[in-house]
């Protein structure tokens, strides 16, 4: 399968992104307007095959110290072809994300994928805090 990866937000298909995220384990039922707002305030990548969006990744960052990788997916019909690896490689190669002090993510299903790219379990999890809603 030939694919193209682009960080042009104008190409993103909000229907595809929202449709996947609303069914995902990490954001079930998320409202479309929240997805659109997250995209507007993040760096984003779309993966395309034959003009159709088949993948997505989003990074929240200050582009100096910190980045958080979120909402990474490949649509079910295109999974198991190494496309997730291609998408992660494109994100990590982006010049805006070079030299960061910390790049984080959370996953309960794909840790082996991210470990290939240097991500590892937090060494001092007791130092992390969160505020959940």
Foldseek 3Di string as FASTA:
>chain_A
DDKDKDQPPVLDDLCVLCVVQCPDPVRNNDDSVVVVVQSVQWGKMFMDDPSDTFWIKTWHDPLAAEIEIDSTDGHPVPPPPCVSLVNVVVVCPDPSNPNYNYYYYDDDPPPVSVVVVPDDPDPCCVVDDDDDD
